[in-house]
């Protein structure tokens, strides 16, 4: 077990709040090379120069060997150090790198790195509106959110594709976008399905559908005053840019040019016109989804969506 002061130091180290001197970085590199056991410590490795005694305590903790730094996240810590049943961790590859999936009888969570500086704010608003996963306390730079049970829209089984269910899902998506847009949130990637059956629409078993992963979403409350990061998140979802990125031909110089081009384009578009792209994504994704789920899903979904999207 760790006291509150120790946990604060550990969590600040994981979050990267400590800035290391060049000498400390050299020392950490030497330590990393010299000791194989330090490799499972990951971000905890910095404790070696932050607080040596705490480093020794952590490096000899058998639970750290199993859970690494993940065991110190606010929502995970009591499940690891104060519960009779340990959580199970799995790792999935996401757009931002590895996503940690934690499964425990008390709760199921996903832990992932921020993809933009306002993602926590946007994800929290979506959670409060009931259109995104529940957000839990986390560490700076990371999201910790509820992991729901159900299916992606693009992978719905046959028994969940009736006209009535598609009509309900269409109404739900209209409600989701109306609520998000009312709070100046442009989701920016409303994929029902693409040609690889990926989707950002999740259909839980006993809850309304939701949008998850707000990594490229934008809060347009100060539009068109956006950071370079926000402009790039808008730009990289444009079809041609996304395609060229897949070919690996967008270097840093071209990225800066594209950001500037988008800033110029913003001068001729209102934020309402920008947010309308969410609807275009829905229409495009419905076409891809119909190839996989059947063309009979289109009409009831569109009818439901048109009734609720304002």
C-alpha atoms as a PDB file:
ATOM      1  CA  UNK A   1       0.000   0.000   0.000  1.00  0.00           C
ATOM      2  CA  UNK A   2       1.047   3.584  -0.610  1.00  0.00           C
ATOM      3  CA  UNK A   3       0.195   6.716   1.370  1.00  0.00           C
ATOM      4  CA  UNK A   4      -1.328   9.821  -0.222  1.00  0.00           C
ATOM      5  CA  UNK A   5       2.015  11.614  -0.525  1.00  0.00           C
ATOM      6  CA  UNK A   6       3.626   8.643  -2.251  1.00  0.00           C
ATOM      7  CA  UNK A   7       0.680   8.304  -4.615  1.00  0.00           C
ATOM      8  CA  UNK A   8       0.885  12.000  -5.487  1.00  0.00           C
ATOM      9  CA  UNK A   9       4.589  11.678  -6.390  1.00  0.00           C
ATOM     10  CA  UNK A  10       3.962   8.508  -8.393  1.00  0.00           C
ATOM     11  CA  UNK A  11       1.045   9.993 -10.314  1.00  0.00           C
ATOM     12  CA  UNK A  12       2.922  13.220 -11.091  1.00  0.00           C
ATOM     13  CA  UNK A  13       5.752  11.083 -12.453  1.00  0.00           C
ATOM     14  CA  UNK A  14       3.392   9.083 -14.661  1.00  0.00           C
ATOM     15  CA  UNK A  15       1.788  12.305 -15.921  1.00  0.00           C
ATOM     16  CA  UNK A  16       5.169  13.722 -16.917  1.00  0.00           C
ATOM     17  CA  UNK A  17       4.912  16.764 -14.661  1.00  0.00           C
ATOM     18  CA  UNK A  18       8.533  16.388 -13.598  1.00  0.00           C
ATOM     19  CA  UNK A  19      11.014  17.974 -16.055  1.00  0.00           C
ATOM     20  CA  UNK A  20      14.349  16.147 -16.020  1.00  0.00           C
ATOM     21  CA  UNK A  21      17.730  17.749 -16.468  1.00  0.00           C
ATOM     22  CA  UNK A  22      20.088  16.383 -19.156  1.00  0.00           C
ATOM     23  CA  UNK A  23      22.168  14.807 -16.384  1.00  0.00           C
ATOM     24  CA  UNK A  24      19.111  13.066 -14.937  1.00  0.00           C
ATOM     25  CA  UNK A  25      18.121  11.793 -18.370  1.00  0.00           C
ATOM     26  CA  UNK A  26      21.602  10.294 -18.824  1.00  0.00           C
ATOM     27  CA  UNK A  27      21.330   8.658 -15.409  1.00  0.00           C
ATOM     28  CA  UNK A  28      17.909   7.213 -16.251  1.00  0.00           C
ATOM     29  CA  UNK A  29      19.194   5.855 -19.560  1.00  0.00           C
ATOM     30  CA  UNK A  30      22.108   4.163 -17.811  1.00  0.00           C
ATOM     31  CA  UNK A  31      19.751   2.680 -15.231  1.00  0.00           C
ATOM     32  CA  UNK A  32      17.422   1.440 -17.972  1.00  0.00           C
ATOM     33  CA  UNK A  33      20.263  -0.316 -19.781  1.00  0.00           C
ATOM     34  CA  UNK A  34      21.813  -1.752 -16.641  1.00  0.00           C
ATOM     35  CA  UNK A  35      18.740  -3.320 -15.059  1.00  0.00           C
ATOM     36  CA  UNK A  36      16.334  -5.516 -16.976  1.00  0.00           C
ATOM     37  CA  UNK A  37      13.745  -5.366 -14.192  1.00  0.00           C
ATOM     38  CA  UNK A  38      13.360  -1.601 -14.705  1.00  0.00           C
ATOM     39  CA  UNK A  39      11.757  -2.158 -18.085  1.00  0.00           C
ATOM     40  CA  UNK A  40       8.347  -3.096 -16.685  1.00  0.00           C
ATOM     41  CA  UNK A  41       8.318   0.151 -14.699  1.00  0.00           C
ATOM     42  CA  UNK A  42       7.661   2.240 -17.802  1.00  0.00           C
ATOM     43  CA  UNK A  43       6.781   5.840 -16.775  1.00  0.00           C
ATOM     44  CA  UNK A  44       7.573   4.907 -13.152  1.00  0.00           C
ATOM     45  CA  UNK A  45      11.219   4.693 -14.107  1.00  0.00           C
ATOM     46  CA  UNK A  46      11.588   8.436 -13.444  1.00  0.00           C
ATOM     47  CA  UNK A  47      11.159   7.822  -9.719  1.00  0.00           C
ATOM     48  CA  UNK A  48      14.817   6.765  -9.709  1.00  0.00           C
ATOM     49  CA  UNK A  49      15.839  10.441  -9.808  1.00  0.00           C
ATOM     50  CA  UNK A  50      12.682  11.888  -8.221  1.00  0.00           C
ATOM     51  CA  UNK A  51      12.608   9.880  -5.002  1.00  0.00           C
ATOM     52  CA  UNK A  52      15.032   6.965  -4.694  1.00  0.00           C
ATOM     53  CA  UNK A  53      13.404   5.226  -1.722  1.00  0.00           C
ATOM     54  CA  UNK A  54      10.032   5.273  -3.436  1.00  0.00           C
ATOM     55  CA  UNK A  55      11.636   3.886  -6.583  1.00  0.00           C
ATOM     56  CA  UNK A  56      13.012   0.959  -4.573  1.00  0.00           C
ATOM     57  CA  UNK A  57       9.587   0.339  -3.027  1.00  0.00           C
ATOM     58  CA  UNK A  58       7.829   0.401  -6.396  1.00  0.00           C
ATOM     59  CA  UNK A  59      10.431  -1.683  -8.227  1.00  0.00           C
ATOM     60  CA  UNK A  60      10.114  -4.436  -5.602  1.00  0.00           C
ATOM     61  CA  UNK A  61       6.313  -4.377  -5.566  1.00  0.00           C
ATOM     62  CA  UNK A  62       5.024  -7.653  -7.098  1.00  0.00           C
ATOM     63  CA  UNK A  63       1.784  -5.941  -8.141  1.00  0.00           C
ATOM     64  CA  UNK A  64       3.754  -3.417 -10.169  1.00  0.00           C
ATOM     65  CA  UNK A  65       5.297  -6.322 -12.058  1.00  0.00           C
ATOM     66  CA  UNK A  66       1.774  -7.308 -13.139  1.00  0.00           C
ATOM     67  CA  UNK A  67       0.094  -3.925 -13.563  1.00  0.00           C
ATOM     68  CA  UNK A  68       3.021  -1.529 -14.161  1.00  0.00           C
ATOM     69  CA  UNK A  69       1.990   2.143 -13.897  1.00  0.00           C
ATOM     70  CA  UNK A  70      -1.662   1.357 -14.721  1.00  0.00           C
ATOM     71  CA  UNK A  71      -2.210   0.129 -11.168  1.00  0.00           C
ATOM     72  CA  UNK A  72      -1.700   3.675  -9.848  1.00  0.00           C
ATOM     73  CA  UNK A  73      -4.500   5.334 -11.843  1.00  0.00           C
ATOM     74  CA  UNK A  74      -7.190   6.676  -9.463  1.00  0.00           C
ATOM     75  CA  UNK A  75      -9.927   4.278 -10.571  1.00  0.00           C
ATOM     76  CA  UNK A  76      -7.628   1.257 -10.891  1.00  0.00           C
ATOM     77  CA  UNK A  77      -5.653   1.619  -7.648  1.00  0.00           C
ATOM     78  CA  UNK A  78      -8.418   0.426  -5.262  1.00  0.00           C
ATOM     79  CA  UNK A  79      -9.141  -2.529  -7.544  1.00  0.00           C
ATOM     80  CA  UNK A  80      -5.485  -3.587  -7.433  1.00  0.00           C
ATOM     81  CA  UNK A  81      -4.480  -2.743  -3.845  1.00  0.00           C
ATOM     82  CA  UNK A  82      -7.769  -2.839  -1.928  1.00  0.00           C
ATOM     83  CA  UNK A  83      -9.796  -5.586  -3.585  1.00  0.00           C
ATOM     84  CA  UNK A  84      -9.859  -9.345  -3.133  1.00  0.00           C
ATOM     85  CA  UNK A  85     -10.280  -9.753  -6.909  1.00  0.00           C
ATOM     86  CA  UNK A  86      -7.644  -8.311  -9.227  1.00  0.00           C
ATOM     87  CA  UNK A  87      -8.669  -6.690 -12.505  1.00  0.00           C
ATOM     88  CA  UNK A  88      -7.725  -8.201 -15.847  1.00  0.00           C
ATOM     89  CA  UNK A  89      -5.817  -5.941 -18.236  1.00  0.00           C
ATOM     90  CA  UNK A  90      -5.886  -6.220 -22.009  1.00  0.00           C
ATOM     91  CA  UNK A  91      -4.290  -4.005 -24.609  1.00  0.00           C
ATOM     92  CA  UNK A  92      -5.830  -2.787 -27.848  1.00  0.00           C
ATOM     93  CA  UNK A  93      -4.294  -0.737 -30.639  1.00  0.00           C
ATOM     94  CA  UNK A  94      -6.030   2.588 -31.170  1.00  0.00           C
ATOM     95  CA  UNK A  95      -5.335   5.705 -33.231  1.00  0.00           C
ATOM     96  CA  UNK A  96      -3.365   7.173 -30.338  1.00  0.00           C
ATOM     97  CA  UNK A  97      -1.353   4.020 -29.590  1.00  0.00           C
ATOM     98  CA  UNK A  98      -2.087   1.373 -27.010  1.00  0.00           C
ATOM     99  CA  UNK A  99      -5.392   1.508 -25.146  1.00  0.00           C
ATOM    100  CA  UNK A 100      -5.591  -0.334 -21.817  1.00  0.00           C
ATOM    101  CA  UNK A 101      -8.812  -2.226 -21.158  1.00  0.00           C
ATOM    102  CA  UNK A 102      -9.410  -3.044 -17.494  1.00  0.00           C
ATOM    103  CA  UNK A 103     -12.048  -5.605 -16.537  1.00  0.00           C
ATOM    104  CA  UNK A 104     -13.189  -6.090 -12.925  1.00  0.00           C
ATOM    105  CA  UNK A 105     -16.482  -7.246 -11.364  1.00  0.00           C
ATOM    106  CA  UNK A 106     -17.001  -3.711 -10.027  1.00  0.00           C
ATOM    107  CA  UNK A 107     -16.383  -1.831 -13.293  1.00  0.00           C
ATOM    108  CA  UNK A 108     -14.918  -2.011 -16.795  1.00  0.00           C
ATOM    109  CA  UNK A 109     -12.715   0.827 -18.030  1.00  0.00           C
ATOM    110  CA  UNK A 110     -10.558   1.990 -20.897  1.00  0.00           C
ATOM    111  CA  UNK A 111      -7.443   4.121 -20.324  1.00  0.00           C
ATOM    112  CA  UNK A 112      -5.939   6.047 -23.225  1.00  0.00           C
ATOM    113  CA  UNK A 113      -3.726   9.020 -23.958  1.00  0.00           C
ATOM    114  CA  UNK A 114      -5.173  12.388 -24.881  1.00  0.00           C
ATOM    115  CA  UNK A 115      -5.274  13.038 -28.600  1.00  0.00           C
ATOM    116  CA  UNK A 116      -5.858  16.766 -28.225  1.00  0.00           C
ATOM    117  CA  UNK A 117      -5.669  19.309 -25.412  1.00  0.00           C
ATOM    118  CA  UNK A 118      -9.462  19.739 -25.059  1.00  0.00           C
ATOM    119  CA  UNK A 119     -10.403  16.075 -25.349  1.00  0.00           C
ATOM    120  CA  UNK A 120     -11.100  15.649 -21.631  1.00  0.00           C
ATOM    121  CA  UNK A 121     -13.373  18.711 -21.660  1.00  0.00           C
ATOM    122  CA  UNK A 122     -15.273  17.508 -24.724  1.00  0.00           C
ATOM    123  CA  UNK A 123     -15.518  13.903 -23.491  1.00  0.00           C
ATOM    124  CA  UNK A 124     -16.814  15.132 -20.123  1.00  0.00           C
ATOM    125  CA  UNK A 125     -19.518  17.233 -21.795  1.00  0.00           C
ATOM    126  CA  UNK A 126     -20.525  14.247 -23.951  1.00  0.00           C
ATOM    127  CA  UNK A 127     -20.700  12.118 -20.803  1.00  0.00           C
ATOM    128  CA  UNK A 128     -22.877  14.680 -19.010  1.00  0.00           C
ATOM    129  CA  UNK A 129     -25.181  14.875 -22.041  1.00  0.00           C
ATOM    130  CA  UNK A 130     -25.475  11.082 -22.007  1.00  0.00           C
ATOM    131  CA  UNK A 131     -24.124  10.690 -25.548  1.00  0.00           C
ATOM    132  CA  UNK A 132     -20.605   9.443 -24.744  1.00  0.00           C
ATOM    133  CA  UNK A 133     -18.965   7.013 -22.325  1.00  0.00           C
ATOM    134  CA  UNK A 134     -18.961   7.897 -18.646  1.00  0.00           C
ATOM    135  CA  UNK A 135     -15.736   9.665 -17.658  1.00  0.00           C
ATOM    136  CA  UNK A 136     -13.848   8.702 -14.498  1.00  0.00           C
ATOM    137  CA  UNK A 137     -11.124  10.603 -12.594  1.00  0.00           C
ATOM    138  CA  UNK A 138      -7.809  10.113 -14.364  1.00  0.00           C
ATOM    139  CA  UNK A 139      -4.259  11.444 -14.608  1.00  0.00           C
ATOM    140  CA  UNK A 140      -3.121  14.427 -16.663  1.00  0.00           C
ATOM    141  CA  UNK A 141      -2.665  13.382 -20.261  1.00  0.00           C
ATOM    142  CA  UNK A 142      -4.969  10.353 -19.972  1.00  0.00           C
ATOM    143  CA  UNK A 143      -8.665   9.585 -20.188  1.00  0.00           C
ATOM    144  CA  UNK A 144     -10.233   6.889 -18.025  1.00  0.00           C
ATOM    145  CA  UNK A 145     -13.721   6.031 -19.207  1.00  0.00           C
ATOM    146  CA  UNK A 146     -16.424   3.398 -18.922  1.00  0.00           C
ATOM    147  CA  UNK A 147     -16.048   0.381 -21.191  1.00  0.00           C
ATOM    148  CA  UNK A 148     -19.508  -0.597 -22.391  1.00  0.00           C
ATOM    149  CA  UNK A 149     -20.786  -3.991 -23.452  1.00  0.00           C
ATOM    150  CA  UNK A 150     -22.407  -4.274 -26.866  1.00  0.00           C
ATOM    151  CA  UNK A 151     -21.485  -3.960 -30.554  1.00  0.00           C
ATOM    152  CA  UNK A 152     -20.240  -1.413 -33.021  1.00  0.00           C
ATOM    153  CA  UNK A 153     -23.007  -0.217 -35.332  1.00  0.00           C
ATOM    154  CA  UNK A 154     -21.132  -1.678 -38.296  1.00  0.00           C
ATOM    155  CA  UNK A 155     -21.074  -5.142 -36.691  1.00  0.00           C
ATOM    156  CA  UNK A 156     -24.638  -5.380 -35.413  1.00  0.00           C
ATOM    157  CA  UNK A 157     -25.913  -8.956 -35.579  1.00  0.00           C
ATOM    158  CA  UNK A 158     -28.953  -9.747 -37.722  1.00  0.00           C
ATOM    159  CA  UNK A 159     -31.360  -9.788 -34.768  1.00  0.00           C
ATOM    160  CA  UNK A 160     -30.506  -6.140 -33.978  1.00  0.00           C
ATOM    161  CA  UNK A 161     -31.115  -4.762 -37.506  1.00  0.00           C
ATOM    162  CA  UNK A 162     -34.915  -4.688 -37.767  1.00  0.00           C
ATOM    163  CA  UNK A 163     -36.559  -1.620 -39.338  1.00  0.00           C
ATOM    164  CA  UNK A 164     -37.852  -0.617 -35.904  1.00  0.00           C
ATOM    165  CA  UNK A 165     -34.380  -0.851 -34.377  1.00  0.00           C
ATOM    166  CA  UNK A 166     -32.825   1.099 -37.273  1.00  0.00           C
ATOM    167  CA  UNK A 167     -35.475   3.786 -36.939  1.00  0.00           C
ATOM    168  CA  UNK A 168     -34.669   4.049 -33.222  1.00  0.00           C
ATOM    169  CA  UNK A 169     -30.933   4.231 -33.941  1.00  0.00           C
ATOM    170  CA  UNK A 170     -31.521   6.921 -36.559  1.00  0.00           C
ATOM    171  CA  UNK A 171     -33.486   8.976 -34.032  1.00  0.00           C
ATOM    172  CA  UNK A 172     -30.746   8.447 -31.480  1.00  0.00           C
ATOM    173  CA  UNK A 173     -28.006   9.675 -33.830  1.00  0.00           C
ATOM    174  CA  UNK A 174     -30.084  12.769 -34.615  1.00  0.00           C
ATOM    175  CA  UNK A 175     -30.448  13.414 -30.885  1.00  0.00           C
ATOM    176  CA  UNK A 176     -26.716  12.907 -30.293  1.00  0.00           C
ATOM    177  CA  UNK A 177     -25.641  15.388 -32.972  1.00  0.00           C
ATOM    178  CA  UNK A 178     -28.278  17.927 -31.924  1.00  0.00           C
ATOM    179  CA  UNK A 179     -27.055  17.799 -28.321  1.00  0.00           C
ATOM    180  CA  UNK A 180     -23.367  17.992 -29.257  1.00  0.00           C
ATOM    181  CA  UNK A 181     -23.890  20.832 -31.712  1.00  0.00           C
ATOM    182  CA  UNK A 182     -25.917  22.741 -29.103  1.00  0.00           C
ATOM    183  CA  UNK A 183     -22.732  22.771 -27.002  1.00  0.00           C
ATOM    184  CA  UNK A 184     -20.563  23.822 -29.976  1.00  0.00           C
ATOM    185  CA  UNK A 185     -19.018  20.347 -30.277  1.00  0.00           C
ATOM    186  CA  UNK A 186     -18.137  19.177 -33.786  1.00  0.00           C
ATOM    187  CA  UNK A 187     -17.488  15.433 -33.478  1.00  0.00           C
ATOM    188  CA  UNK A 188     -15.583  15.435 -36.791  1.00  0.00           C
ATOM    189  CA  UNK A 189     -15.566  11.665 -37.349  1.00  0.00           C
ATOM    190  CA  UNK A 190     -19.152  10.352 -37.131  1.00  0.00           C
ATOM    191  CA  UNK A 191     -18.404   7.038 -38.820  1.00  0.00           C
ATOM    192  CA  UNK A 192     -21.344   4.629 -38.838  1.00  0.00           C
ATOM    193  CA  UNK A 193     -19.190   2.279 -40.891  1.00  0.00           C
ATOM    194  CA  UNK A 194     -16.301   2.479 -43.286  1.00  0.00           C
ATOM    195  CA  UNK A 195     -15.106  -0.077 -45.823  1.00  0.00           C
ATOM    196  CA  UNK A 196     -13.165  -1.852 -43.054  1.00  0.00           C
ATOM    197  CA  UNK A 197     -16.284  -2.082 -40.804  1.00  0.00           C
ATOM    198  CA  UNK A 198     -14.849   0.415 -38.317  1.00  0.00           C
ATOM    199  CA  UNK A 199     -17.362   2.576 -36.492  1.00  0.00           C
ATOM    200  CA  UNK A 200     -17.490   5.274 -33.821  1.00  0.00           C
ATOM    201  CA  UNK A 201     -21.095   4.477 -32.984  1.00  0.00           C
ATOM    202  CA  UNK A 202     -21.456   1.970 -30.174  1.00  0.00           C
ATOM    203  CA  UNK A 203     -24.728   0.192 -29.458  1.00  0.00           C
ATOM    204  CA  UNK A 204     -24.778  -1.140 -25.867  1.00  0.00           C
ATOM    205  CA  UNK A 205     -27.025  -3.995 -24.875  1.00  0.00           C
ATOM    206  CA  UNK A 206     -29.168  -2.141 -22.342  1.00  0.00           C
ATOM    207  CA  UNK A 207     -28.416   1.536 -22.973  1.00  0.00           C
ATOM    208  CA  UNK A 208     -28.942   4.022 -25.833  1.00  0.00           C
ATOM    209  CA  UNK A 209     -26.315   4.173 -28.567  1.00  0.00           C
ATOM    210  CA  UNK A 210     -23.422   6.589 -28.072  1.00  0.00           C
ATOM    211  CA  UNK A 211     -20.443   8.097 -29.857  1.00  0.00           C
ATOM    212  CA  UNK A 212     -17.087   7.146 -28.400  1.00  0.00           C
ATOM    213  CA  UNK A 213     -13.525   8.406 -28.994  1.00  0.00           C
ATOM    214  CA  UNK A 214     -13.534  12.208 -29.016  1.00  0.00           C
ATOM    215  CA  UNK A 215      -9.884  12.414 -30.077  1.00  0.00           C
ATOM    216  CA  UNK A 216     -10.460  14.610 -33.150  1.00  0.00           C
ATOM    217  CA  UNK A 217     -13.602  16.387 -31.920  1.00  0.00           C
ATOM    218  CA  UNK A 218     -13.476  20.182 -31.758  1.00  0.00           C
ATOM    219  CA  UNK A 219     -15.120  22.605 -29.347  1.00  0.00           C
ATOM    220  CA  UNK A 220     -16.073  25.552 -31.541  1.00  0.00           C
ATOM    221  CA  UNK A 221     -17.024  27.941 -28.739  1.00  0.00           C
ATOM    222  CA  UNK A 222     -14.291  30.352 -29.873  1.00  0.00           C
ATOM    223  CA  UNK A 223     -14.493  29.630 -33.608  1.00  0.00           C
ATOM    224  CA  UNK A 224     -12.584  30.487 -35.761  1.00  0.00           C
ATOM    225  CA  UNK A 225      -9.941  30.996 -33.076  1.00  0.00           C
ATOM    226  CA  UNK A 226      -8.488  27.472 -32.999  1.00  0.00           C
ATOM    227  CA  UNK A 227      -5.066  26.151 -32.058  1.00  0.00           C
ATOM    228  CA  UNK A 228      -2.841  24.517 -34.679  1.00  0.00           C
ATOM    229  CA  UNK A 229      -3.610  21.179 -33.026  1.00  0.00           C
ATOM    230  CA  UNK A 230      -7.355  21.727 -33.423  1.00  0.00           C
ATOM    231  CA  UNK A 231      -7.029  22.898 -37.021  1.00  0.00           C
ATOM    232  CA  UNK A 232      -4.950  19.826 -37.819  1.00  0.00           C
ATOM    233  CA  UNK A 233      -7.533  17.525 -36.254  1.00  0.00           C
ATOM    234  CA  UNK A 234     -10.106  19.084 -38.582  1.00  0.00           C
ATOM    235  CA  UNK A 235      -7.821  18.915 -41.597  1.00  0.00           C
ATOM    236  CA  UNK A 236      -6.655  15.332 -41.244  1.00  0.00           C
ATOM    237  CA  UNK A 237     -10.223  14.011 -41.442  1.00  0.00           C
ATOM    238  CA  UNK A 238     -10.745  15.606 -44.863  1.00  0.00           C
ATOM    239  CA  UNK A 239     -10.993  12.711 -47.373  1.00  0.00           C
ATOM    240  CA  UNK A 240      -8.033  13.643 -49.586  1.00  0.00           C
ATOM    241  CA  UNK A 241      -5.757  14.504 -46.668  1.00  0.00           C
ATOM    242  CA  UNK A 242      -6.708  11.283 -44.896  1.00  0.00           C
ATOM    243  CA  UNK A 243      -5.895   9.325 -48.047  1.00  0.00           C
ATOM    244  CA  UNK A 244      -2.507  10.993 -48.511  1.00  0.00           C
ATOM    245  CA  UNK A 245      -1.674  10.420 -44.859  1.00  0.00           C
ATOM    246  CA  UNK A 246      -2.321   6.728 -45.452  1.00  0.00           C
ATOM    247  CA  UNK A 247       0.270   6.830 -48.208  1.00  0.00           C
ATOM    248  CA  UNK A 248       2.732   8.504 -45.830  1.00  0.00           C
ATOM    249  CA  UNK A 249       3.293  11.529 -48.053  1.00  0.00           C
ATOM    250  CA  UNK A 250       2.294  14.272 -45.568  1.00  0.00           C
ATOM    251  CA  UNK A 251       5.502  15.486 -43.903  1.00  0.00           C
ATOM    252  CA  UNK A 252       5.782  18.281 -41.318  1.00  0.00           C
ATOM    253  CA  UNK A 253       6.236  20.954 -43.992  1.00  0.00           C
ATOM    254  CA  UNK A 254       3.118  19.860 -45.871  1.00  0.00           C
ATOM    255  CA  UNK A 255       1.239  19.546 -42.578  1.00  0.00           C
ATOM    256  CA  UNK A 256       1.944  23.210 -41.772  1.00  0.00           C
ATOM    257  CA  UNK A 257       0.758  24.216 -45.259  1.00  0.00           C
ATOM    258  CA  UNK A 258      -2.475  22.269 -44.829  1.00  0.00           C
ATOM    259  CA  UNK A 259      -3.110  23.892 -41.456  1.00  0.00           C
ATOM    260  CA  UNK A 260      -2.716  27.339 -42.999  1.00  0.00           C
ATOM    261  CA  UNK A 261      -5.014  26.414 -45.906  1.00  0.00           C
ATOM    262  CA  UNK A 262      -7.690  25.315 -43.448  1.00  0.00           C
ATOM    263  CA  UNK A 263      -7.384  28.566 -41.491  1.00  0.00           C
ATOM    264  CA  UNK A 264      -8.053  30.483 -44.714  1.00  0.00           C
ATOM    265  CA  UNK A 265     -11.053  28.237 -45.445  1.00  0.00           C
ATOM    266  CA  UNK A 266     -12.484  28.915 -41.991  1.00  0.00           C
ATOM    267  CA  UNK A 267     -12.820  32.580 -42.895  1.00  0.00           C
ATOM    268  CA  UNK A 268     -15.508  31.689 -45.455  1.00  0.00           C
ATOM    269  CA  UNK A 269     -17.401  29.133 -43.327  1.00  0.00           C
ATOM    270  CA  UNK A 270     -19.591  29.494 -40.265  1.00  0.00           C
ATOM    271  CA  UNK A 271     -19.272  27.050 -37.399  1.00  0.00           C
ATOM    272  CA  UNK A 272     -22.717  25.699 -38.370  1.00  0.00           C
ATOM    273  CA  UNK A 273     -21.355  24.860 -41.817  1.00  0.00           C
ATOM    274  CA  UNK A 274     -18.368  23.150 -40.219  1.00  0.00           C
ATOM    275  CA  UNK A 275     -20.582  21.078 -37.918  1.00  0.00           C
ATOM    276  CA  UNK A 276     -22.753  20.049 -40.881  1.00  0.00           C
ATOM    277  CA  UNK A 277     -19.885  17.759 -41.886  1.00  0.00           C
ATOM    278  CA  UNK A 278     -21.034  15.479 -39.069  1.00  0.00           C
ATOM    279  CA  UNK A 279     -24.224  14.862 -41.053  1.00  0.00           C
ATOM    280  CA  UNK A 280     -22.242  14.227 -44.244  1.00  0.00           C
ATOM    281  CA  UNK A 281     -20.193  11.601 -42.397  1.00  0.00           C
ATOM    282  CA  UNK A 282     -23.430   9.939 -41.246  1.00  0.00           C
ATOM    283  CA  UNK A 283     -24.831   9.783 -44.800  1.00  0.00           C
ATOM    284  CA  UNK A 284     -21.567   8.408 -46.199  1.00  0.00           C
ATOM    285  CA  UNK A 285     -21.262   5.846 -43.413  1.00  0.00           C
ATOM    286  CA  UNK A 286     -24.846   4.698 -43.889  1.00  0.00           C
ATOM    287  CA  UNK A 287     -23.950   3.748 -47.463  1.00  0.00           C
ATOM    288  CA  UNK A 288     -21.001   1.643 -46.299  1.00  0.00           C
ATOM    289  CA  UNK A 289     -23.117   0.124 -43.515  1.00  0.00           C
ATOM    290  CA  UNK A 290     -25.837  -0.898 -45.963  1.00  0.00           C
ATOM    291  CA  UNK A 291     -23.336  -2.981 -47.927  1.00  0.00           C
ATOM    292  CA  UNK A 292     -22.571  -4.942 -44.783  1.00  0.00           C
ATOM    293  CA  UNK A 293     -25.871  -4.904 -42.879  1.00  0.00           C
ATOM    294  CA  UNK A 294     -28.345  -4.798 -45.776  1.00  0.00           C
ATOM    295  CA  UNK A 295     -29.915  -2.036 -47.840  1.00  0.00           C
ATOM    296  CA  UNK A 296     -33.156  -2.216 -45.849  1.00  0.00           C
ATOM    297  CA  UNK A 297     -31.469  -0.356 -42.966  1.00  0.00           C
ATOM    298  CA  UNK A 298     -31.223   2.906 -44.922  1.00  0.00           C
ATOM    299  CA  UNK A 299     -34.815   4.157 -45.105  1.00  0.00           C
ATOM    300  CA  UNK A 300     -35.824   3.641 -41.447  1.00  0.00           C
ATOM    301  CA  UNK A 301     -32.502   5.049 -40.195  1.00  0.00           C
ATOM    302  CA  UNK A 302     -32.820   8.148 -42.381  1.00  0.00           C
ATOM    303  CA  UNK A 303     -36.445   8.648 -41.311  1.00  0.00           C
ATOM    304  CA  UNK A 304     -35.521   8.507 -37.618  1.00  0.00           C
ATOM    305  CA  UNK A 305     -32.510  10.782 -38.078  1.00  0.00           C
ATOM    306  CA  UNK A 306     -34.482  13.441 -39.991  1.00  0.00           C
ATOM    307  CA  UNK A 307     -37.089  13.564 -37.210  1.00  0.00           C
ATOM    308  CA  UNK A 308     -34.633  14.420 -34.442  1.00  0.00           C
ATOM    309  CA  UNK A 309     -31.684  16.232 -35.984  1.00  0.00           C
ATOM    310  CA  UNK A 310     -32.349  19.949 -35.706  1.00  0.00           C
END
